[in-house]
PDB file of N, CA and C in Angstrom:
ATOM      1  N   MET A   1       0.839  -1.172   0.000  1.00  0.00           N
ATOM      2  CA  MET A   1       0.000   0.000   0.000  1.00  0.00           C
ATOM      3  C   MET A   1       0.892   1.246   0.000  1.00  0.00           C
ATOM      4  N   ALA A   2       0.620   2.173  -0.872  1.00  0.00           N
ATOM      5  CA  ALA A   2       1.423   3.401  -0.995  1.00  0.00           C
ATOM      6  C   ALA A   2       1.115   4.348   0.152  1.00  0.00           C
ATOM      7  N   ASN A   3       2.148   5.099   0.578  1.00  0.00           N
ATOM      8  CA  ASN A   3       1.941   6.124   1.595  1.00  0.00           C
ATOM      9  C   ASN A   3       1.128   7.255   0.998  1.00  0.00           C
ATOM     10  N   SER A   4       0.232   7.831   1.786  1.00  0.00           N
ATOM     11  CA  SER A   4      -0.549   8.961   1.303  1.00  0.00           C
ATOM     12  C   SER A   4      -0.717   9.973   2.416  1.00  0.00           C
ATOM     13  N   LEU A   5      -0.864  11.222   2.027  1.00  0.00           N
ATOM     14  CA  LEU A   5      -1.102  12.295   2.976  1.00  0.00           C
ATOM     15  C   LEU A   5      -2.599  12.455   3.162  1.00  0.00           C
ATOM     16  N   ILE A   6      -3.009  12.679   4.363  1.00  0.00           N
ATOM     17  CA  ILE A   6      -4.421  12.886   4.661  1.00  0.00           C
ATOM     18  C   ILE A   6      -4.564  14.294   5.216  1.00  0.00           C
ATOM     19  N   TYR A   7      -5.397  15.114   4.595  1.00  0.00           N
ATOM     20  CA  TYR A   7      -5.637  16.471   5.066  1.00  0.00           C
ATOM     21  C   TYR A   7      -6.655  16.432   6.189  1.00  0.00           C
ATOM     22  N   ILE A   8      -6.296  17.027   7.307  1.00  0.00           N
ATOM     23  CA  ILE A   8      -7.210  17.117   8.438  1.00  0.00           C
ATOM     24  C   ILE A   8      -7.576  18.578   8.591  1.00  0.00           C
ATOM     25  N   SER A   9      -8.847  18.885   8.548  1.00  0.00           N
ATOM     26  CA  SER A   9      -9.323  20.261   8.627  1.00  0.00           C
ATOM     27  C   SER A   9      -8.725  20.982   9.819  1.00  0.00           C
ATOM     28  N   GLY A  10      -8.273  22.212   9.579  1.00  0.00           N
ATOM     29  CA  GLY A  10      -7.717  23.011  10.658  1.00  0.00           C
ATOM     30  C   GLY A  10      -6.213  22.896  10.784  1.00  0.00           C
ATOM     31  N   GLN A  11      -5.574  21.968  10.088  1.00  0.00           N
ATOM     32  CA  GLN A  11      -4.122  21.826  10.160  1.00  0.00           C
ATOM     33  C   GLN A  11      -3.477  22.621   9.040  1.00  0.00           C
ATOM     34  N   GLU A  12      -3.440  23.929   9.207  1.00  0.00           N
ATOM     35  CA  GLU A  12      -2.755  24.777   8.258  1.00  0.00           C
ATOM     36  C   GLU A  12      -2.261  26.011   9.006  1.00  0.00           C
ATOM     37  N   ILE A  13      -1.203  26.597   8.494  1.00  0.00           N
ATOM     38  CA  ILE A  13      -0.590  27.748   9.127  1.00  0.00           C
ATOM     39  C   ILE A  13       0.056  28.574   8.020  1.00  0.00           C
ATOM     40  N   LYS A  14       0.113  29.873   8.190  1.00  0.00           N
ATOM     41  CA  LYS A  14       0.753  30.739   7.206  1.00  0.00           C
ATOM     42  C   LYS A  14       2.171  31.037   7.688  1.00  0.00           C
ATOM     43  N   CYS A  15       3.168  30.770   6.826  1.00  0.00           N
ATOM     44  CA  CYS A  15       4.572  30.957   7.179  1.00  0.00           C
ATOM     45  C   CYS A  15       5.286  31.747   6.085  1.00  0.00           C
ATOM     46  N   PHE A  16       6.360  32.445   6.481  1.00  0.00           N
ATOM     47  CA  PHE A  16       7.265  33.018   5.499  1.00  0.00           C
ATOM     48  C   PHE A  16       8.103  31.871   4.945  1.00  0.00           C
ATOM     49  N   VAL A  17       8.488  31.967   3.668  1.00  0.00           N
ATOM     50  CA  VAL A  17       9.289  30.905   3.065  1.00  0.00           C
ATOM     51  C   VAL A  17      10.499  31.457   2.326  1.00  0.00           C
ATOM     52  N   CYS A  18      11.617  30.810   2.518  1.00  0.00           N
ATOM     53  CA  CYS A  18      12.869  31.054   1.800  1.00  0.00           C
ATOM     54  C   CYS A  18      13.699  29.804   2.050  1.00  0.00           C
ATOM     55  N   GLY A  19      13.547  28.819   1.185  1.00  0.00           N
ATOM     56  CA  GLY A  19      14.157  27.522   1.407  1.00  0.00           C
ATOM     57  C   GLY A  19      15.671  27.516   1.300  1.00  0.00           C
ATOM     58  N   PHE A  20      16.291  26.607   2.033  1.00  0.00           N
ATOM     59  CA  PHE A  20      17.736  26.411   1.980  1.00  0.00           C
ATOM     60  C   PHE A  20      18.117  25.860   0.619  1.00  0.00           C
ATOM     61  N   ASP A  21      19.177  26.388   0.033  1.00  0.00           N
ATOM     62  CA  ASP A  21      19.683  25.918  -1.252  1.00  0.00           C
ATOM     63  C   ASP A  21      21.192  25.753  -1.121  1.00  0.00           C
ATOM     64  N   GLU A  22      21.671  24.523  -1.084  1.00  0.00           N
ATOM     65  CA  GLU A  22      23.096  24.247  -0.896  1.00  0.00           C
ATOM     66  C   GLU A  22      23.946  24.898  -1.989  1.00  0.00           C
ATOM     67  N   ASP A  23      23.397  25.041  -3.204  1.00  0.00           N
ATOM     68  CA  ASP A  23      24.135  25.651  -4.314  1.00  0.00           C
ATOM     69  C   ASP A  23      24.159  27.181  -4.238  1.00  0.00           C
ATOM     70  N   ASP A  24      23.251  27.775  -3.469  1.00  0.00           N
ATOM     71  CA  ASP A  24      23.178  29.235  -3.347  1.00  0.00           C
ATOM     72  C   ASP A  24      22.814  29.602  -1.904  1.00  0.00           C
ATOM     73  N   PRO A  25      23.720  29.354  -0.940  1.00  0.00           N
ATOM     74  CA  PRO A  25      23.382  29.598   0.459  1.00  0.00           C
ATOM     75  C   PRO A  25      23.179  31.075   0.792  1.00  0.00           C
ATOM     76  N   GLU A  26      23.677  31.984  -0.073  1.00  0.00           N
ATOM     77  CA  GLU A  26      23.520  33.410   0.181  1.00  0.00           C
ATOM     78  C   GLU A  26      22.521  34.059  -0.781  1.00  0.00           C
ATOM     79  N   LYS A  27      21.471  33.312  -1.130  1.00  0.00           N
ATOM     80  CA  LYS A  27      20.474  33.881  -2.038  1.00  0.00           C
ATOM     81  C   LYS A  27      19.802  35.081  -1.374  1.00  0.00           C
ATOM     82  N   GLU A  28      19.231  35.946  -2.180  1.00  0.00           N
ATOM     83  CA  GLU A  28      18.712  37.238  -1.721  1.00  0.00           C
ATOM     84  C   GLU A  28      17.731  37.118  -0.548  1.00  0.00           C
ATOM     85  N   CYS A  29      16.789  36.195  -0.610  1.00  0.00           N
ATOM     86  CA  CYS A  29      15.799  36.105   0.475  1.00  0.00           C
ATOM     87  C   CYS A  29      16.419  35.626   1.781  1.00  0.00           C
ATOM     88  N   ALA A  30      17.563  34.929   1.724  1.00  0.00           N
ATOM     89  CA  ALA A  30      18.232  34.458   2.937  1.00  0.00           C
ATOM     90  C   ALA A  30      19.082  35.552   3.572  1.00  0.00           C
ATOM     91  N   VAL A  31      19.704  36.395   2.754  1.00  0.00           N
ATOM     92  CA  VAL A  31      20.562  37.460   3.247  1.00  0.00           C
ATOM     93  C   VAL A  31      19.739  38.679   3.677  1.00  0.00           C
ATOM     94  N   ASN A  32      18.639  38.943   2.972  1.00  0.00           N
ATOM     95  CA  ASN A  32      17.756  40.082   3.267  1.00  0.00           C
ATOM     96  C   ASN A  32      16.325  39.599   3.485  1.00  0.00           C
ATOM     97  N   PRO A  33      16.058  38.869   4.578  1.00  0.00           N
ATOM     98  CA  PRO A  33      14.736  38.266   4.763  1.00  0.00           C
ATOM     99  C   PRO A  33      13.590  39.273   4.903  1.00  0.00           C
ATOM    100  N   ALA A  34      13.875  40.502   5.310  1.00  0.00           N
ATOM    101  CA  ALA A  34      12.812  41.497   5.478  1.00  0.00           C
ATOM    102  C   ALA A  34      12.443  42.175   4.160  1.00  0.00           C
ATOM    103  N   LYS A  35      13.275  42.030   3.138  1.00  0.00           N
ATOM    104  CA  LYS A  35      13.015  42.652   1.843  1.00  0.00           C
ATOM    105  C   LYS A  35      12.086  41.748   1.034  1.00  0.00           C
ATOM    106  N   ASP A  36      10.899  42.231   0.752  1.00  0.00           N
ATOM    107  CA  ASP A  36       9.905  41.479  -0.024  1.00  0.00           C
ATOM    108  C   ASP A  36       9.703  40.056   0.491  1.00  0.00           C
ATOM    109  N   PRO A  37       9.317  39.875   1.764  1.00  0.00           N
ATOM    110  CA  PRO A  37       9.126  38.517   2.281  1.00  0.00           C
ATOM    111  C   PRO A  37       7.988  37.792   1.560  1.00  0.00           C
ATOM    112  N   THR A  38       8.193  36.531   1.306  1.00  0.00           N
ATOM    113  CA  THR A  38       7.191  35.692   0.657  1.00  0.00           C
ATOM    114  C   THR A  38       6.522  34.840   1.722  1.00  0.00           C
ATOM    115  N   ASP A  39       5.175  34.824   1.721  1.00  0.00           N
ATOM    116  CA  ASP A  39       4.491  33.946   2.664  1.00  0.00           C
ATOM    117  C   ASP A  39       3.675  32.916   1.903  1.00  0.00           C
ATOM    118  N   LYS A  40       3.346  31.856   2.607  1.00  0.00           N
ATOM    119  CA  LYS A  40       2.667  30.718   1.985  1.00  0.00           C
ATOM    120  C   LYS A  40       1.721  30.108   3.002  1.00  0.00           C
ATOM    121  N   LEU A  41       0.552  29.692   2.543  1.00  0.00           N
ATOM    122  CA  LEU A  41      -0.358  28.940   3.391  1.00  0.00           C
ATOM    123  C   LEU A  41       0.103  27.495   3.353  1.00  0.00           C
ATOM    124  N   CYS A  42       0.500  26.973   4.483  1.00  0.00           N
ATOM    125  CA  CYS A  42       1.078  25.634   4.569  1.00  0.00           C
ATOM    126  C   CYS A  42       0.009  24.654   5.035  1.00  0.00           C
ATOM    127  N   ILE A  43      -0.326  23.739   4.191  1.00  0.00           N
ATOM    128  CA  ILE A  43      -1.328  22.722   4.512  1.00  0.00           C
ATOM    129  C   ILE A  43      -0.641  21.580   5.264  1.00  0.00           C
ATOM    130  N   ILE A  44      -1.291  21.060   6.263  1.00  0.00           N
ATOM    131  CA  ILE A  44      -0.803  19.946   7.076  1.00  0.00           C
ATOM    132  C   ILE A  44       0.531  20.295   7.744  1.00  0.00           C
ATOM    133  N   SER A  45       0.650  21.497   8.247  1.00  0.00           N
ATOM    134  CA  SER A  45       1.827  21.926   8.995  1.00  0.00           C
ATOM    135  C   SER A  45       1.357  22.505  10.312  1.00  0.00           C
ATOM    136  N   ASP A  46       2.164  22.336  11.355  1.00  0.00           N
ATOM    137  CA  ASP A  46       1.792  22.934  12.632  1.00  0.00           C
ATOM    138  C   ASP A  46       2.831  23.932  13.109  1.00  0.00           C
ATOM    139  N   SER A  47       3.884  24.172  12.272  1.00  0.00           N
ATOM    140  CA  SER A  47       4.952  25.076  12.679  1.00  0.00           C
ATOM    141  C   SER A  47       5.535  25.818  11.486  1.00  0.00           C
ATOM    142  N   CYS A  48       6.021  27.016  11.771  1.00  0.00           N
ATOM    143  CA  CYS A  48       6.877  27.734  10.831  1.00  0.00           C
ATOM    144  C   CYS A  48       8.293  27.507  11.342  1.00  0.00           C
ATOM    145  N   ILE A  49       9.194  27.131  10.461  1.00  0.00           N
ATOM    146  CA  ILE A  49      10.562  26.806  10.850  1.00  0.00           C
ATOM    147  C   ILE A  49      11.501  27.888  10.329  1.00  0.00           C
ATOM    148  N   THR A  50      12.342  28.415  11.211  1.00  0.00           N
ATOM    149  CA  THR A  50      13.348  29.413  10.843  1.00  0.00           C
ATOM    150  C   THR A  50      14.720  28.853  11.178  1.00  0.00           C
ATOM    151  N   MET A  51      15.623  28.893  10.193  1.00  0.00           N
ATOM    152  CA  MET A  51      16.995  28.437  10.385  1.00  0.00           C
ATOM    153  C   MET A  51      17.909  29.640  10.183  1.00  0.00           C
ATOM    154  N   THR A  52      18.692  30.010  11.207  1.00  0.00           N
ATOM    155  CA  THR A  52      19.601  31.147  11.106  1.00  0.00           C
ATOM    156  C   THR A  52      21.038  30.678  11.327  1.00  0.00           C
ATOM    157  N   GLY A  53      21.958  31.340  10.629  1.00  0.00           N
ATOM    158  CA  GLY A  53      23.362  30.994  10.775  1.00  0.00           C
ATOM    159  C   GLY A  53      24.247  31.995  10.061  1.00  0.00           C
ATOM    160  N   GLN A  54      25.516  31.648   9.912  1.00  0.00           N
ATOM    161  CA  GLN A  54      26.509  32.491   9.251  1.00  0.00           C
ATOM    162  C   GLN A  54      27.065  31.735   8.048  1.00  0.00           C
ATOM    163  N   SER A  55      27.011  32.378   6.882  1.00  0.00           N
ATOM    164  CA  SER A  55      27.609  31.818   5.674  1.00  0.00           C
ATOM    165  C   SER A  55      28.992  32.432   5.517  1.00  0.00           C
ATOM    166  N   LYS A  56      30.013  31.586   5.453  1.00  0.00           N
ATOM    167  CA  LYS A  56      31.393  32.065   5.327  1.00  0.00           C
ATOM    168  C   LYS A  56      31.920  31.717   3.944  1.00  0.00           C
ATOM    169  N   THR A  57      32.278  32.759   3.177  1.00  0.00           N
ATOM    170  CA  THR A  57      32.837  32.572   1.839  1.00  0.00           C
ATOM    171  C   THR A  57      34.094  33.425   1.713  1.00  0.00           C
ATOM    172  N   GLU A  58      34.717  33.371   0.541  1.00  0.00           N
ATOM    173  CA  GLU A  58      35.912  34.179   0.294  1.00  0.00           C
ATOM    174  C   GLU A  58      35.625  35.672   0.428  1.00  0.00           C
ATOM    175  N   SER A  59      34.374  36.072   0.149  1.00  0.00           N
ATOM    176  CA  SER A  59      34.017  37.494   0.213  1.00  0.00           C
ATOM    177  C   SER A  59      33.640  37.945   1.626  1.00  0.00           C
ATOM    178  N   GLY A  60      33.672  37.038   2.592  1.00  0.00           N
ATOM    179  CA  GLY A  60      33.361  37.406   3.975  1.00  0.00           C
ATOM    180  C   GLY A  60      32.270  36.548   4.580  1.00  0.00           C
ATOM    181  N   THR A  61      31.755  37.013   5.706  1.00  0.00           N
ATOM    182  CA  THR A  61      30.722  36.288   6.438  1.00  0.00           C
ATOM    183  C   THR A  61      29.415  37.069   6.370  1.00  0.00           C
ATOM    184  N   LYS A  62      28.332  36.362   6.068  1.00  0.00           N
ATOM    185  CA  LYS A  62      27.010  36.994   6.015  1.00  0.00           C
ATOM    186  C   LYS A  62      26.035  36.192   6.865  1.00  0.00           C
ATOM    187  N   LYS A  63      25.149  36.912   7.572  1.00  0.00           N
ATOM    188  CA  LYS A  63      24.073  36.255   8.306  1.00  0.00           C
ATOM    189  C   LYS A  63      23.032  35.800   7.292  1.00  0.00           C
ATOM    190  N   VAL A  64      22.565  34.564   7.436  1.00  0.00           N
ATOM    191  CA  VAL A  64      21.537  34.028   6.548  1.00  0.00           C
ATOM    192  C   VAL A  64      20.370  33.508   7.379  1.00  0.00           C
ATOM    193  N   GLU A  65      19.188  33.549   6.769  1.00  0.00           N
ATOM    194  CA  GLU A  65      17.977  33.080   7.442  1.00  0.00           C
ATOM    195  C   GLU A  65      17.092  32.381   6.415  1.00  0.00           C
ATOM    196  N   TYR A  66      16.824  31.120   6.656  1.00  0.00           N
ATOM    197  CA  TYR A  66      15.957  30.324   5.786  1.00  0.00           C
ATOM    198  C   TYR A  66      14.669  30.046   6.539  1.00  0.00           C
ATOM    199  N   ARG A  67      13.552  29.999   5.808  1.00  0.00           N
ATOM    200  CA  ARG A  67      12.262  29.758   6.459  1.00  0.00           C
ATOM    201  C   ARG A  67      11.437  28.797   5.622  1.00  0.00           C
ATOM    202  N   ARG A  68      10.630  28.006   6.327  1.00  0.00           N
ATOM    203  CA  ARG A  68       9.782  27.047   5.617  1.00  0.00           C
ATOM    204  C   ARG A  68       8.656  26.569   6.519  1.00  0.00           C
ATOM    205  N   CYS A  69       7.729  25.845   5.935  1.00  0.00           N
ATOM    206  CA  CYS A  69       6.659  25.184   6.669  1.00  0.00           C
ATOM    207  C   CYS A  69       7.218  23.891   7.243  1.00  0.00           C
ATOM    208  N   GLY A  70       6.610  23.407   8.301  1.00  0.00           N
ATOM    209  CA  GLY A  70       7.060  22.129   8.828  1.00  0.00           C
ATOM    210  C   GLY A  70       6.224  21.659   9.984  1.00  0.00           C
ATOM    211  N   GLY A  71       6.680  20.598  10.561  1.00  0.00           N
ATOM    212  CA  GLY A  71       5.989  20.021  11.693  1.00  0.00           C
ATOM    213  C   GLY A  71       6.936  19.827  12.852  1.00  0.00           C
ATOM    214  N   LEU A  72       6.432  20.046  14.015  1.00  0.00           N
ATOM    215  CA  LEU A  72       7.199  19.819  15.232  1.00  0.00           C
ATOM    216  C   LEU A  72       7.102  18.334  15.544  1.00  0.00           C
ATOM    217  N   MET A  73       8.229  17.649  15.497  1.00  0.00           N
ATOM    218  CA  MET A  73       8.242  16.205  15.696  1.00  0.00           C
ATOM    219  C   MET A  73       8.275  15.871  17.179  1.00  0.00           C
ATOM    220  N   GLU A  74       7.472  14.916  17.574  1.00  0.00           N
ATOM    221  CA  GLU A  74       7.460  14.470  18.959  1.00  0.00           C
ATOM    222  C   GLU A  74       8.822  13.865  19.295  1.00  0.00           C
ATOM    223  N   GLY A  75       9.338  14.193  20.456  1.00  0.00           N
ATOM    224  CA  GLY A  75      10.616  13.663  20.879  1.00  0.00           C
ATOM    225  C   GLY A  75      11.810  14.441  20.351  1.00  0.00           C
ATOM    226  N   GLU A  76      11.552  15.528  19.617  1.00  0.00           N
ATOM    227  CA  GLU A  76      12.625  16.375  19.081  1.00  0.00           C
ATOM    228  C   GLU A  76      13.427  16.948  20.253  1.00  0.00           C
ATOM    229  N   ASP A  77      14.735  16.975  20.133  1.00  0.00           N
ATOM    230  CA  ASP A  77      15.612  17.462  21.192  1.00  0.00           C
ATOM    231  C   ASP A  77      15.746  18.983  21.088  1.00  0.00           C
ATOM    232  N   LEU A  78      14.769  19.720  21.629  1.00  0.00           N
ATOM    233  CA  LEU A  78      14.718  21.168  21.522  1.00  0.00           C
ATOM    234  C   LEU A  78      15.007  21.826  22.859  1.00  0.00           C
ATOM    235  N   ASP A  79      15.512  23.071  22.792  1.00  0.00           N
ATOM    236  CA  ASP A  79      15.739  23.823  24.026  1.00  0.00           C
ATOM    237  C   ASP A  79      14.429  24.496  24.473  1.00  0.00           C
ATOM    238  N   ALA A  80      14.493  25.339  25.490  1.00  0.00           N
ATOM    239  CA  ALA A  80      13.297  25.983  26.050  1.00  0.00           C
ATOM    240  C   ALA A  80      12.605  26.906  25.048  1.00  0.00           C
ATOM    241  N   ASP A  81      13.335  27.364  24.015  1.00  0.00           N
ATOM    242  CA  ASP A  81      12.756  28.247  23.000  1.00  0.00           C
ATOM    243  C   ASP A  81      12.285  27.477  21.760  1.00  0.00           C
ATOM    244  N   ASN A  82      12.182  26.152  21.850  1.00  0.00           N
ATOM    245  CA  ASN A  82      11.816  25.280  20.731  1.00  0.00           C
ATOM    246  C   ASN A  82      12.838  25.358  19.592  1.00  0.00           C
ATOM    247  N   CYS A  83      14.125  25.407  19.934  1.00  0.00           N
ATOM    248  CA  CYS A  83      15.209  25.497  18.949  1.00  0.00           C
ATOM    249  C   CYS A  83      16.213  24.363  19.143  1.00  0.00           C
ATOM    250  N   LYS A  84      16.994  24.112  18.094  1.00  0.00           N
ATOM    251  CA  LYS A  84      18.092  23.144  18.165  1.00  0.00           C
ATOM    252  C   LYS A  84      19.170  23.569  17.175  1.00  0.00           C
ATOM    253  N   ASP A  85      20.390  23.119  17.407  1.00  0.00           N
ATOM    254  CA  ASP A  85      21.499  23.389  16.504  1.00  0.00           C
ATOM    255  C   ASP A  85      21.648  22.219  15.549  1.00  0.00           C
ATOM    256  N   GLU A  86      21.889  22.528  14.266  1.00  0.00           N
ATOM    257  CA  GLU A  86      22.087  21.477  13.267  1.00  0.00           C
ATOM    258  C   GLU A  86      22.979  21.995  12.150  1.00  0.00           C
ATOM    259  N   THR A  87      23.405  21.097  11.271  1.00  0.00           N
ATOM    260  CA  THR A  87      24.272  21.454  10.153  1.00  0.00           C
ATOM    261  C   THR A  87      23.551  21.142   8.857  1.00  0.00           C
ATOM    262  N   ARG A  88      23.608  22.094   7.916  1.00  0.00           N
ATOM    263  CA  ARG A  88      23.077  21.912   6.560  1.00  0.00           C
ATOM    264  C   ARG A  88      24.191  22.269   5.599  1.00  0.00           C
ATOM    265  N   GLY A  89      24.666  21.312   4.838  1.00  0.00           N
ATOM    266  CA  GLY A  89      25.779  21.582   3.942  1.00  0.00           C
ATOM    267  C   GLY A  89      26.982  22.029   4.759  1.00  0.00           C
ATOM    268  N   THR A  90      27.490  23.222   4.480  1.00  0.00           N
ATOM    269  CA  THR A  90      28.641  23.752   5.200  1.00  0.00           C
ATOM    270  C   THR A  90      28.240  24.732   6.301  1.00  0.00           C
ATOM    271  N   LEU A  91      26.943  24.901   6.526  1.00  0.00           N
ATOM    272  CA  LEU A  91      26.456  25.887   7.496  1.00  0.00           C
ATOM    273  C   LEU A  91      26.044  25.255   8.815  1.00  0.00           C
ATOM    274  N   ASP A  92      26.417  25.896   9.911  1.00  0.00           N
ATOM    275  CA  ASP A  92      25.900  25.544  11.228  1.00  0.00           C
ATOM    276  C   ASP A  92      24.713  26.464  11.475  1.00  0.00           C
ATOM    277  N   LEU A  93      23.544  25.881  11.699  1.00  0.00           N
ATOM    278  CA  LEU A  93      22.317  26.654  11.812  1.00  0.00           C
ATOM    279  C   LEU A  93      21.617  26.412  13.142  1.00  0.00           C
ATOM    280  N   LYS A  94      20.912  27.427  13.610  1.00  0.00           N
ATOM    281  CA  LYS A  94      20.011  27.291  14.751  1.00  0.00           C
ATOM    282  C   LYS A  94      18.607  27.199  14.145  1.00  0.00           C
ATOM    283  N   THR A  95      17.946  26.081  14.358  1.00  0.00           N
ATOM    284  CA  THR A  95      16.633  25.842  13.782  1.00  0.00           C
ATOM    285  C   THR A  95      15.585  25.972  14.888  1.00  0.00           C
ATOM    286  N   CYS A  96      14.606  26.857  14.649  1.00  0.00           N
ATOM    287  CA  CYS A  96      13.563  27.131  15.648  1.00  0.00           C
ATOM    288  C   CYS A  96      12.182  26.854  15.043  1.00  0.00           C
ATOM    289  N   TYR A  97      11.310  26.310  15.877  1.00  0.00           N
ATOM    290  CA  TYR A  97       9.945  25.967  15.480  1.00  0.00           C
ATOM    291  C   TYR A  97       8.991  26.928  16.184  1.00  0.00           C
ATOM    292  N   CYS A  98       8.175  27.623  15.395  1.00  0.00           N
ATOM    293  CA  CYS A  98       7.181  28.546  15.939  1.00  0.00           C
ATOM    294  C   CYS A  98       5.808  28.016  15.551  1.00  0.00           C
ATOM    295  N   GLN A  99       4.927  27.917  16.518  1.00  0.00           N
ATOM    296  CA  GLN A  99       3.604  27.379  16.223  1.00  0.00           C
ATOM    297  C   GLN A  99       2.561  28.481  16.049  1.00  0.00           C
ATOM    298  N   GLY A 100       3.031  29.722  15.858  1.00  0.00           N
ATOM    299  CA  GLY A 100       2.164  30.839  15.520  1.00  0.00           C
ATOM    300  C   GLY A 100       2.394  31.225  14.084  1.00  0.00           C
ATOM    301  N   GLU A 101       1.467  31.955  13.493  1.00  0.00           N
ATOM    302  CA  GLU A 101       1.601  32.312  12.091  1.00  0.00           C
ATOM    303  C   GLU A 101       2.705  33.332  11.865  1.00  0.00           C
ATOM    304  N   LEU A 102       3.330  33.208  10.687  1.00  0.00           N
ATOM    305  CA  LEU A 102       4.376  34.085  10.189  1.00  0.00           C
ATOM    306  C   LEU A 102       5.430  34.282  11.235  1.00  0.00           C
TER     307      LEU A 102
END
């Protein structure tokens, strides 16, 4: 039997989005998240996820911020602010889960 997603009424949240891209870690929406923010209605999500960190390249260090829809997983090893440290590609990021919109 194939896996399928089931939509449950009321499980949606509006989040800002700027996905992580390993090929372009310093894309415009990550470096300037307040400039023309894009939001999305996320179906079957209970959290907005924000990942912040420092991108280090030959041209210097820049603060980056990626955002997406997601779910807070039970048993996740989070601190008191619903955050955890993780690595994506070459970046060390602080990933935080917010269960409020945007």
